[in-house]
Protein backbone atom coordinates (compact mmCIF):
# COMPACT_ATOMS: atom_id res chain seq x y z
CA UNK A 1 -122.12 72.74 48.35
CA UNK A 2 -119.64 73.61 50.34
CA UNK A 3 -115.72 72.23 50.59
CA UNK A 4 -115.50 69.41 52.89
CA UNK A 5 -112.79 70.53 55.85
CA UNK A 6 -110.90 67.37 56.60
CA UNK A 7 -111.20 66.11 59.95
CA UNK A 8 -108.23 67.41 62.12
CA UNK A 9 -105.24 65.10 62.85
CA UNK A 10 -104.44 64.78 66.21
CA UNK A 11 -100.48 64.72 66.97
CA UNK A 12 -98.62 61.65 67.29
CA UNK A 13 -97.44 62.05 70.82
CA UNK A 14 -100.93 63.09 72.38
CA UNK A 15 -102.14 59.98 70.60
CA UNK A 16 -99.51 57.57 71.89
CA UNK A 17 -99.89 58.91 75.10
CA UNK A 18 -103.75 58.45 75.24
CA UNK A 19 -103.28 54.85 73.75
CA UNK A 20 -100.32 54.19 77.04
CA UNK A 21 -103.17 55.78 79.40
CA UNK A 22 -106.14 53.80 77.84
CA UNK A 23 -104.22 50.51 78.42
CA UNK A 24 -102.71 51.74 81.76
CA UNK A 25 -106.41 52.22 82.93
CA UNK A 26 -108.14 49.43 81.35
CA UNK A 27 -109.73 51.40 78.65
CA UNK A 28 -108.20 49.22 76.27
CA UNK A 29 -106.72 45.43 76.74
CA UNK A 30 -103.30 44.40 75.30
CA UNK A 31 -104.30 40.87 73.94
CA UNK A 32 -102.13 38.06 75.46
CA UNK A 33 -101.25 34.70 73.45
CA UNK A 34 -103.36 31.83 73.73
CA UNK A 35 -102.20 28.50 73.23
CA UNK A 36 -104.10 25.03 73.76
CA UNK A 37 -102.78 21.97 74.37
CA UNK A 38 -104.79 18.90 73.67
CA UNK A 39 -103.56 15.64 75.47
CA UNK A 40 -104.37 12.14 76.46
CA UNK A 41 -104.11 12.69 80.11
CA UNK A 42 -102.94 15.26 82.89
CA UNK A 43 -100.64 14.38 85.76
CA UNK A 44 -101.52 17.58 87.62
CA UNK A 45 -98.85 17.06 90.11
CA UNK A 46 -100.90 16.52 93.01
CA UNK A 47 -101.50 12.54 92.49
CA UNK A 48 -104.69 13.01 90.10
CA UNK A 49 -105.00 12.08 86.54
CA UNK A 50 -107.04 14.04 84.20
CA UNK A 51 -107.91 11.89 81.04
CA UNK A 52 -108.50 13.42 77.41
CA UNK A 53 -107.85 17.00 78.75
CA UNK A 54 -107.06 20.18 76.95
CA UNK A 55 -105.07 22.71 78.62
CA UNK A 56 -105.44 26.51 77.63
CA UNK A 57 -102.63 28.82 78.33
CA UNK A 58 -102.88 32.68 78.37
CA UNK A 59 -99.94 34.69 78.37
CA UNK A 60 -97.36 33.01 80.56
CA UNK A 61 -99.89 31.03 83.02
CA UNK A 62 -102.47 28.59 82.69
CA UNK A 63 -106.19 29.69 82.66
CA UNK A 64 -107.87 26.17 82.39
CA UNK A 65 -107.75 22.39 82.30
CA UNK A 66 -109.99 19.82 81.96
CA UNK A 67 -111.62 17.25 79.58
CA UNK A 68 -114.24 19.82 78.51
CA UNK A 69 -112.79 22.74 78.36
CA UNK A 70 -113.49 24.56 74.77
CA UNK A 71 -110.39 25.98 73.06
CA UNK A 72 -110.99 29.92 72.40
CA UNK A 73 -110.99 30.96 68.77
CA UNK A 74 -107.27 31.85 67.47
CA UNK A 75 -106.12 30.20 69.84
CA UNK A 76 -102.34 28.25 68.89
CA UNK A 77 -103.58 24.56 69.53
CA UNK A 78 -100.56 22.01 70.40
CA UNK A 79 -102.17 18.39 69.73
CA UNK A 80 -100.32 15.89 72.06
CA UNK A 81 -103.34 13.53 72.17
CA UNK A 82 -100.98 10.58 72.15
CA UNK A 83 -98.71 12.13 75.18
CA UNK A 84 -98.89 12.70 79.26
CA UNK A 85 -98.73 16.00 80.04
CA UNK A 86 -97.58 16.98 83.67
CA UNK A 87 -95.85 19.79 85.58
CA UNK A 88 -92.39 20.92 84.61
CA UNK A 89 -90.10 18.32 87.03
CA UNK A 90 -87.93 20.49 89.90
CA UNK A 91 -84.66 19.20 90.62
CA UNK A 92 -83.84 20.55 93.99
CA UNK A 93 -80.08 19.86 93.99
CA UNK A 94 -77.87 20.11 90.79
CA UNK A 95 -74.88 21.66 89.47
CA UNK A 96 -75.13 23.31 86.19
CA UNK A 97 -71.51 24.51 86.53
CA UNK A 98 -69.77 21.42 86.88
CA UNK A 99 -68.44 20.21 83.25
CA UNK A 100 -65.68 18.76 81.60
CA UNK A 101 -63.25 20.67 79.55
CA UNK A 102 -62.03 20.54 76.27
CA UNK A 103 -59.43 17.61 77.45
CA UNK A 104 -62.76 15.60 78.88
CA UNK A 105 -61.50 15.92 82.13
CA UNK A 106 -63.13 17.53 85.37
CA UNK A 107 -62.99 21.39 85.06
CA UNK A 108 -61.84 21.83 88.50
CA UNK A 109 -59.81 24.89 88.39
CA UNK A 110 -56.32 25.80 86.20
CA UNK A 111 -56.78 23.16 83.76
CA UNK A 112 -56.06 25.78 80.27
CA UNK A 113 -59.97 25.83 79.97
CA UNK A 114 -60.65 29.69 78.75
CA UNK A 115 -63.44 31.47 80.26
CA UNK A 116 -65.07 31.14 76.80
CA UNK A 117 -64.73 27.43 76.66
CA UNK A 118 -66.51 27.26 80.55
CA UNK A 119 -69.23 29.44 79.59
CA UNK A 120 -70.00 27.32 76.38
CA UNK A 121 -69.91 24.16 78.45
CA UNK A 122 -72.29 25.68 81.62
CA UNK A 123 -74.78 26.98 78.78
CA UNK A 124 -74.86 23.43 77.06
CA UNK A 125 -75.32 21.96 80.62
CA UNK A 126 -78.46 24.34 81.05
CA UNK A 127 -80.03 23.50 77.50
CA UNK A 128 -79.80 19.92 78.01
CA UNK A 129 -81.10 19.89 81.17
CA UNK A 130 -84.42 22.03 79.92
CA UNK A 131 -84.75 19.68 77.07
CA UNK A 132 -84.75 16.62 79.24
CA UNK A 133 -88.07 18.10 80.91
CA UNK A 134 -86.09 19.71 84.01
CA UNK A 135 -87.97 23.92 84.33
CA UNK A 136 -86.68 24.18 87.82
CA UNK A 137 -83.50 23.88 89.33
CA UNK A 138 -81.75 24.70 92.67
CA UNK A 139 -78.26 24.66 91.67
CA UNK A 140 -75.99 24.79 95.05
CA UNK A 141 -72.55 26.00 95.05
CA UNK A 142 -71.37 27.87 92.31
CA UNK A 143 -70.51 31.72 91.90
CA UNK A 144 -71.07 31.40 87.88
CA UNK A 145 -74.97 30.06 88.62
CA UNK A 146 -75.53 34.29 89.11
CA UNK A 147 -74.50 35.08 85.55
CA UNK A 148 -76.29 31.78 84.63
CA UNK A 149 -79.58 32.62 86.12
CA UNK A 150 -79.47 36.08 84.63
CA UNK A 151 -78.82 35.02 81.17
CA UNK A 152 -81.60 32.24 81.24
CA UNK A 153 -83.87 35.09 82.94
CA UNK A 154 -83.11 37.42 79.93
CA UNK A 155 -83.99 34.24 77.50
CA UNK A 156 -80.21 34.61 76.25
CA UNK A 157 -79.64 31.25 76.94
CA UNK A 158 -82.41 28.54 77.18
CA UNK A 159 -82.46 26.63 80.42
CA UNK A 160 -84.39 25.90 83.63
CA UNK A 161 -85.31 28.60 86.17
CA UNK A 162 -82.25 29.02 88.35
CA UNK A 163 -82.00 29.52 92.26
CA UNK A 164 -78.54 29.57 93.45
CA UNK A 165 -76.72 29.74 96.73
CA UNK A 166 -73.82 30.82 94.92
CA UNK A 167 -70.76 29.81 97.13
CA UNK A 168 -71.43 27.81 99.98
CA UNK A 169 -70.34 28.04 103.62
CA UNK A 170 -68.26 25.62 105.67
CA UNK A 171 -66.42 24.97 109.22
CA UNK A 172 -63.73 27.22 107.87
CA UNK A 173 -65.78 30.39 109.56
CA UNK A 174 -66.51 31.05 112.90
CA UNK A 175 -70.25 31.53 114.23
CA UNK A 176 -69.81 35.48 114.16
CA UNK A 177 -68.59 34.97 110.48
CA UNK A 178 -70.77 32.65 109.24
CA UNK A 179 -73.77 35.18 110.39
CA UNK A 180 -72.16 37.80 108.48
CA UNK A 181 -71.30 35.60 105.23
CA UNK A 182 -75.03 34.70 105.13
CA UNK A 183 -76.11 38.39 104.99
CA UNK A 184 -73.17 39.16 102.43
CA UNK A 185 -74.60 35.91 100.17
CA UNK A 186 -78.33 38.01 100.59
CA UNK A 187 -76.88 40.96 99.39
CA UNK A 188 -74.95 39.03 96.58
CA UNK A 189 -78.27 37.73 95.37
CA UNK A 190 -78.34 34.47 96.76
CA UNK A 191 -82.18 32.75 96.70
CA UNK A 192 -81.09 29.87 99.38
CA UNK A 193 -77.89 29.54 101.91
CA UNK A 194 -75.81 26.10 101.17
CA UNK A 195 -73.54 24.60 104.20
CA UNK A 196 -71.49 21.93 104.41
CA UNK A 197 -71.96 20.40 107.72
CA UNK A 198 -70.55 16.98 107.07
CA UNK A 199 -67.45 15.83 105.30
CA UNK A 200 -68.01 14.21 101.52
CA UNK A 201 -69.26 10.32 101.63
CA UNK A 202 -65.32 10.07 99.90
CA UNK A 203 -63.92 11.16 102.81
CA UNK A 204 -66.64 9.03 105.70
CA UNK A 205 -69.30 11.97 105.86
CA UNK A 206 -68.66 12.52 109.63
CA UNK A 207 -69.92 15.88 110.90
CA UNK A 208 -67.81 19.09 110.23
CA UNK A 209 -69.68 22.12 111.74
CA UNK A 210 -70.53 22.26 115.34
CA UNK A 211 -73.92 22.43 116.58
CA UNK A 212 -73.27 26.37 117.24
CA UNK A 213 -72.11 27.05 113.64
CA UNK A 214 -75.53 25.47 112.32
CA UNK A 215 -77.56 27.78 114.56
CA UNK A 216 -76.09 30.74 113.49
CA UNK A 217 -76.08 30.27 110.03
CA UNK A 218 -79.42 28.68 109.92
CA UNK A 219 -80.77 31.39 112.21
CA UNK A 220 -79.48 33.98 110.15
CA UNK A 221 -80.45 32.62 107.15
CA UNK A 222 -84.08 32.31 108.10
CA UNK A 223 -83.81 35.77 109.60
CA UNK A 224 -83.26 37.57 106.18
CA UNK A 225 -85.67 35.45 104.70
CA UNK A 226 -84.03 32.71 102.81
CA UNK A 227 -83.85 28.73 103.16
CA UNK A 228 -80.83 27.06 104.56
CA UNK A 229 -80.08 23.54 102.78
CA UNK A 230 -77.15 21.37 104.53
CA UNK A 231 -75.28 18.79 103.18
CA UNK A 232 -74.83 16.04 105.92
CA UNK A 233 -74.11 12.30 105.40
CA UNK A 234 -73.83 11.48 109.18
CA UNK A 235 -76.77 10.93 111.37
CA UNK A 236 -75.15 13.11 113.83
CA UNK A 237 -74.62 15.83 111.39
CA UNK A 238 -78.45 15.32 110.54
CA UNK A 239 -79.70 15.60 113.68
CA UNK A 240 -77.77 18.68 114.23
CA UNK A 241 -79.09 20.45 111.30
CA UNK A 242 -82.69 19.61 112.14
CA UNK A 243 -82.31 21.09 115.90
CA UNK A 244 -80.71 24.38 114.47
CA UNK A 245 -83.71 24.98 112.29
CA UNK A 246 -82.37 24.75 108.77
CA UNK A 247 -84.84 24.09 105.92
CA UNK A 248 -83.32 20.89 103.98
CA UNK A 249 -80.85 18.27 104.37
CA UNK A 250 -79.15 16.94 101.44
CA UNK A 251 -77.77 13.18 101.20
CA UNK A 252 -78.09 11.70 104.35
CA UNK A 253 -76.25 8.46 103.56
CA UNK A 254 -76.56 7.38 106.83
CA UNK A 255 -79.74 8.58 108.11
CA UNK A 256 -81.35 6.70 111.14
CA UNK A 257 -84.83 6.17 111.46
CA UNK A 258 -84.62 8.39 114.49
CA UNK A 259 -83.34 11.47 112.83
CA UNK A 260 -85.90 10.90 110.09
CA UNK A 261 -88.50 11.01 112.23
CA UNK A 262 -86.91 14.13 114.23
CA UNK A 263 -86.86 15.78 110.55
CA UNK A 264 -90.30 15.16 109.91
CA UNK A 265 -91.44 16.29 113.37
CA UNK A 266 -89.65 19.39 112.98
CA UNK A 267 -90.91 19.73 109.29
CA UNK A 268 -87.07 19.82 107.68
CA UNK A 269 -87.10 18.58 104.06
CA UNK A 270 -84.82 15.69 103.06
CA UNK A 271 -83.24 15.22 99.73
CA UNK A 272 -81.51 12.17 99.31
CA UNK A 273 -79.45 10.76 96.42
CA UNK A 274 -79.96 7.23 95.21
CA UNK A 275 -77.81 6.18 92.42
CA UNK A 276 -77.49 8.80 89.52
CA UNK A 277 -74.58 10.85 91.24
CA UNK A 278 -73.10 7.61 92.44
CA UNK A 279 -72.87 5.80 89.31
CA UNK A 280 -72.27 9.13 87.45
CA UNK A 281 -69.17 9.32 89.20
CA UNK A 282 -68.00 5.73 88.68
CA UNK A 283 -68.83 5.95 84.91
CA UNK A 284 -66.97 8.81 84.54
CA UNK A 285 -63.99 7.73 86.91
CA UNK A 286 -61.33 8.03 84.29
CA UNK A 287 -62.71 12.04 84.17
CA UNK A 288 -62.57 12.41 87.73
CA UNK A 289 -59.64 10.20 88.92
CA UNK A 290 -56.99 11.93 90.45
CA UNK A 291 -58.63 15.25 91.08
CA UNK A 292 -59.12 16.35 94.45
CA UNK A 293 -60.42 13.46 96.66
CA UNK A 294 -61.50 11.30 93.43
CA UNK A 295 -58.90 8.65 94.19
CA UNK A 296 -59.06 5.17 94.72
CA UNK A 297 -59.98 5.20 98.37
CA UNK A 298 -62.68 7.61 97.50
CA UNK A 299 -64.21 5.62 94.59
CA UNK A 300 -64.49 2.79 96.52
CA UNK A 301 -66.48 4.71 99.50
CA UNK A 302 -68.78 5.69 96.71
CA UNK A 303 -69.30 1.73 95.42
CA UNK A 304 -69.96 0.76 98.76
CA UNK A 305 -72.57 3.48 99.73
CA UNK A 306 -74.74 2.33 96.90
CA UNK A 307 -76.70 -0.32 98.97
CA UNK A 308 -76.42 1.86 101.73
CA UNK A 309 -78.22 4.41 100.15
CA UNK A 310 -81.46 2.52 98.80
CA UNK A 311 -82.06 1.42 102.38
CA UNK A 312 -81.76 5.48 103.55
CA UNK A 313 -84.55 6.44 101.29
CA UNK A 314 -86.57 3.32 101.73
CA UNK A 315 -86.35 4.15 105.25
CA UNK A 316 -86.92 8.29 104.15
CA UNK A 317 -90.22 7.38 102.21
CA UNK A 318 -91.28 5.13 104.92
CA UNK A 319 -91.27 8.11 107.83
CA UNK A 320 -94.58 9.63 108.24
CA UNK A 321 -94.74 13.17 107.45
CA UNK A 322 -91.38 13.68 106.15
CA UNK A 323 -91.25 15.76 102.57
CA UNK A 324 -88.95 13.37 100.76
CA UNK A 325 -88.04 15.87 97.39
CA UNK A 326 -86.66 14.98 93.93
CA UNK A 327 -83.24 16.14 93.93
CA UNK A 328 -80.07 14.38 91.77
CA UNK A 329 -76.86 16.27 92.91
CA UNK A 330 -76.31 16.26 88.91
CA UNK A 331 -72.45 17.07 88.42
CA UNK A 332 -70.36 16.84 85.14
CA UNK A 333 -71.59 13.69 82.68
CA UNK A 334 -75.01 13.83 84.74
CA UNK A 335 -77.02 16.78 83.25
CA UNK A 336 -79.73 15.93 80.72
CA UNK A 337 -79.98 12.50 82.77
CA UNK A 338 -81.99 13.93 85.93
CA UNK A 339 -84.78 11.54 85.81
CA UNK A 340 -82.52 8.46 85.92
CA UNK A 341 -82.85 9.24 89.85
CA UNK A 342 -86.59 8.85 89.78
CA UNK A 343 -86.79 5.77 87.96
CA UNK A 344 -84.12 4.36 90.08
CA UNK A 345 -86.32 5.39 93.26
CA UNK A 346 -88.89 3.58 91.86
CA UNK A 347 -87.55 0.36 90.17
CA UNK A 348 -84.93 -0.11 93.23
CA UNK A 349 -86.36 0.94 95.91
CA UNK A 350 -90.17 0.46 95.57
CA UNK A 351 -91.30 4.18 95.07
CA UNK A 352 -94.82 4.19 93.88
CA UNK A 353 -94.37 5.92 90.50
CA UNK A 354 -97.14 8.87 91.00
CA UNK A 355 -95.17 9.37 94.68
CA UNK A 356 -91.94 9.97 92.67
CA UNK A 357 -93.76 12.37 90.39
CA UNK A 358 -95.06 14.61 93.02
CA UNK A 359 -91.78 14.49 94.77
CA UNK A 360 -90.46 16.16 91.62
CA UNK A 361 -93.56 18.71 91.07
CA UNK A 362 -95.89 20.06 93.70
CA UNK A 363 -93.92 18.57 96.80
CA UNK A 364 -91.05 20.30 95.12
CA UNK A 365 -92.18 23.40 94.76
CA UNK A 366 -93.53 23.57 98.13
CA UNK A 367 -90.36 23.04 99.58
CA UNK A 368 -88.41 25.39 97.44
CA UNK A 369 -90.77 28.25 98.40
CA UNK A 370 -92.34 28.42 94.86
CA UNK A 371 -95.80 26.44 95.12
CA UNK A 372 -97.64 29.82 94.09
CA UNK A 373 -96.63 29.66 90.72
CA UNK A 374 -95.31 26.29 90.23
CA UNK A 375 -95.67 22.51 90.52
CA UNK A 376 -99.15 21.80 89.61
CA UNK A 377 -101.01 21.82 86.34
CA UNK A 378 -103.76 24.46 87.52
CA UNK A 379 -105.18 27.55 86.86
CA UNK A 380 -102.92 30.65 87.42
CA UNK A 381 -99.73 28.56 87.78
CA UNK A 382 -97.05 29.16 85.43
CA UNK A 383 -97.09 27.48 82.04
CA UNK A 384 -94.47 25.16 82.74
CA UNK A 385 -95.45 21.92 81.22
CA UNK A 386 -93.85 18.83 79.78
CA UNK A 387 -94.98 15.83 78.03
CA UNK A 388 -93.75 12.55 77.86
CA UNK A 389 -94.75 9.29 75.68
CA UNK A 390 -96.40 7.03 78.19
CA UNK A 391 -97.97 7.13 81.42
CA UNK A 392 -95.30 7.66 84.02
CA UNK A 393 -97.71 6.73 86.46
CA UNK A 394 -98.03 3.35 85.28
CA UNK A 395 -94.16 2.96 83.89
CA UNK A 396 -91.77 5.42 85.29
CA UNK A 397 -89.58 4.90 82.30
CA UNK A 398 -91.73 7.31 79.88
CA UNK A 399 -90.12 10.00 82.03
CA UNK A 400 -87.03 9.23 79.52
CA UNK A 401 -89.63 10.11 76.50
CA UNK A 402 -90.06 13.67 76.96
CA UNK A 403 -91.41 15.07 73.74
CA UNK A 404 -92.70 18.42 74.56
CA UNK A 405 -91.00 21.14 76.79
CA UNK A 406 -92.76 24.42 77.81
CA UNK A 407 -91.57 26.87 80.04
CA UNK A 408 -93.32 29.96 81.22
CA UNK A 409 -95.27 29.17 78.04
CA UNK A 410 -92.41 29.25 75.34
CA UNK A 411 -91.92 26.09 73.56
CA UNK A 412 -88.10 24.82 74.10
CA UNK A 413 -89.07 21.57 72.74
CA UNK A 414 -91.58 20.03 70.58
CA UNK A 415 -90.44 16.00 69.12
CA UNK A 416 -94.03 15.13 68.28
């Protein structure tokens, strides 16, 4: 018998090139990780409940959801059969960069805090917020957000998906300068434009930006493809922002039925705060006292505002067609307590629990422009999912009991 010659070996580089070419052409399929989640019920973010559901996640997205979904062989299974699964919550207004310094005081500038100490505090806020079930945050008003957003996106810091306005714009710029600043924010990487159209509630909340300034800023934002979110307390400033074509109004302590109806007509979203931010300031008064307008008069204004904001919120949810989203204005001391705002809306203002959940999921995603990928438990959406102990559609307090947090299929909390 003749000698059998070994088969020629393909050089390594051409072999690697062949594999890459086959993957690119679909000749081979890179296997995506598959995860299955069993749960007592799914609140899908639109107001629908799916009992005894299984959710299949393939790669970073939801592939299937339903009561009779088969679990693929080899899938990683999370048994959450005692819990309720719902979309990751979306907070449309927070300030992740706001924190207390090592002395326990609100960090507002030159107070001896080192850059490293500040970075650790901000990262801590992001982690705490994510673990509380908030998987997306619109952070309105800090230059530090840009670095934090990048660190979260890279996976260096656990935290919610972050949209930021960077530094906000105020009445101190004329109309033409505001247009230029909007373009600059776009170039700097802002996801949204933040405007101050009124004073703080601690200073009475009167309109500060002129109608011309608002029209210039909001018009330019629209021209460059950005939404414009406006701080406005008085009915006058809310009306001006609405007529200027701005996208979303924050706070609105002195909202009138007329201006709320105008907002609904013009499709301007409303993000009021009812309790968390005010109570947080009052609970942490010693940590803020004496810094800027955090003085006796300012704290008295916030105390007086509490019953007013409850009535404003009730008027808002009674306004046909008005999109009322979930936003906390979470500042130092409030991070990780975000759901207290939803609980307050239900317990003290009479909002239906399921409506509160929708405001923090599908409606929030729609208003911030991410409805294609977030806000509902549905095939094709990113796997941002949380599980809570109890059924928040019946008992909103269940949102305090977060047991599982997944963002884009990566698990950040699993306390089963």
